[in-house]
Amino acid sequence: MRKSYILPRLILLAMAWAFFYFAFDPILKWGLIKGIEKGAKAKA
């Protein structure tokens, strides 16, 4: 296989892994807190 085929896919895979490893949990936690606050009309 050629590098021009494999390299972009590896980069995309690494970027997706990095997003889920570093950013997904804080974004999910923030979203849950904001949703609870809006639903309960209180500060969580």
Protein backbone atom coordinates (compact mmCIF):
# COMPACT_ATOMS: atom_id res chain seq x y z
CA MET A 1 0.00 0.00 0.00
CA ARG A 2 1.08 3.54 -0.62
CA LYS A 3 1.88 6.13 2.03
CA SER A 4 -0.58 8.53 0.41
CA TYR A 5 -3.34 6.05 1.25
CA ILE A 6 -2.31 5.06 4.76
CA LEU A 7 -0.95 8.32 6.21
CA PRO A 8 -4.16 10.43 5.97
CA ARG A 9 -6.18 7.62 7.52
CA LEU A 10 -3.72 7.24 10.38
CA ILE A 11 -3.80 10.98 10.99
CA LEU A 12 -7.61 11.00 10.99
CA LEU A 13 -7.70 8.03 13.36
CA ALA A 14 -5.18 9.70 15.70
CA MET A 15 -7.23 12.91 15.70
CA ALA A 16 -10.44 11.04 16.50
CA TRP A 17 -8.71 9.12 19.30
CA ALA A 18 -7.23 12.34 20.73
CA PHE A 19 -10.65 14.02 20.71
CA PHE A 20 -12.35 11.19 22.57
CA TYR A 21 -9.41 10.71 24.96
CA PHE A 22 -8.89 14.37 25.92
CA ALA A 23 -12.05 16.36 25.13
CA PHE A 24 -15.10 14.10 25.11
CA ASP A 25 -15.41 13.55 28.87
CA PRO A 26 -15.18 17.24 29.85
CA ILE A 27 -17.65 18.22 27.10
CA LEU A 28 -20.07 15.48 28.18
CA LYS A 29 -19.77 16.49 31.85
CA TRP A 30 -20.34 20.17 31.01
CA GLY A 31 -23.38 19.30 28.90
CA LEU A 32 -24.90 17.14 31.62
CA ILE A 33 -24.42 19.86 34.23
CA LYS A 34 -25.96 22.52 31.98
CA GLY A 35 -28.90 20.23 31.17
CA ILE A 36 -29.56 19.45 34.83
CA GLU A 37 -29.34 23.13 35.74
CA LYS A 38 -31.78 24.09 32.99
CA GLY A 39 -34.18 21.25 33.82
CA ALA A 40 -34.18 21.85 37.57
CA LYS A 41 -33.96 25.65 37.29
CA ALA A 42 -31.20 25.51 39.90
CA LYS A 43 -27.43 25.60 40.13
CA ALA A 44 -25.85 22.15 40.07
